[in-house]
């Protein structure tokens, strides 16, 4: 019996952290190395996954363990790359979208086809269940932002194809506290310039961050001149480091023949930086009224 599927990717989502706060493209969390942990399991005679054998893996013994969680902490995956060449996958999935919390989850079925009920899965070394039933108990679970797994301890039992033979095991994961995610802040200065020579508008401002990142800025300047809408886009990039604001300046070129002139304009700006801790982009947006003076 050879399983032909692996695991479906978690759906990407967007989460808004504030009206002008970070907009995070929340892709599936990438697997993180486990600092300290172990995976052990064994099976009854007749269990297809284990072949009736016992298996033990730990970071201390040179085995590679990685883990990841969904951003809502409802699903945890643990991958084993054994020192001797073994490879295994473990999945624990809470009912619906509730976070995994200490307690026993009964009547689990094969992840990711468990629907609204709990999901479970132990497979690897070329073997997997087409259908399974089982139960698992979460002993401890501590999560950080963006799918970071700090602590996860659980025991499990699964049966393939409705059989009585079972595979039973436990997993223990311990990682340092989660690093802070990238926090960007964007400010647009309330005064800019309108060139009397080129007709372009120059706007500026600052960005701040809590980790080093290169920030790309995109925006649009809009002005009404003699009942005509004048609009121009701008883009620029600035290196940001913690501790002090990074100043940026950008030039918007009007899209038509009408130049920008002195007066009030609307400046819509988007700043995007890459979060190296969680391997994702973070965006902040701001819309401000800016007074252009002759320049």
Foldseek 3Di string as FASTA:
>chain_A
DFDDDDADFDDWDWDDPDPQWKIWGQGFFDWDWFPWKKKKKAWCCVAFAHNRGIDIDIVVVPKTKIKWAHQLQQKIKIWTQGPVGWIKIKMKGAFDSHHDAFDKFAFAKDPPVRHRGIHIFIHTPRDGAPIKGWMKGWHHWDADGSGRTAWTKMKMWMGGPPDPMIMIIIMTTHHPPADDWKTKDWDWDQAWAQEPVQLKIKTKTWMAIAAKWKKKKKKKKWDQDPNDIWMFIWIDIWIYHHDDITMDMIITHTPDDHGHAFAKIKMKMKMWTATPRRGTIMIGIDIDIHTHHHD
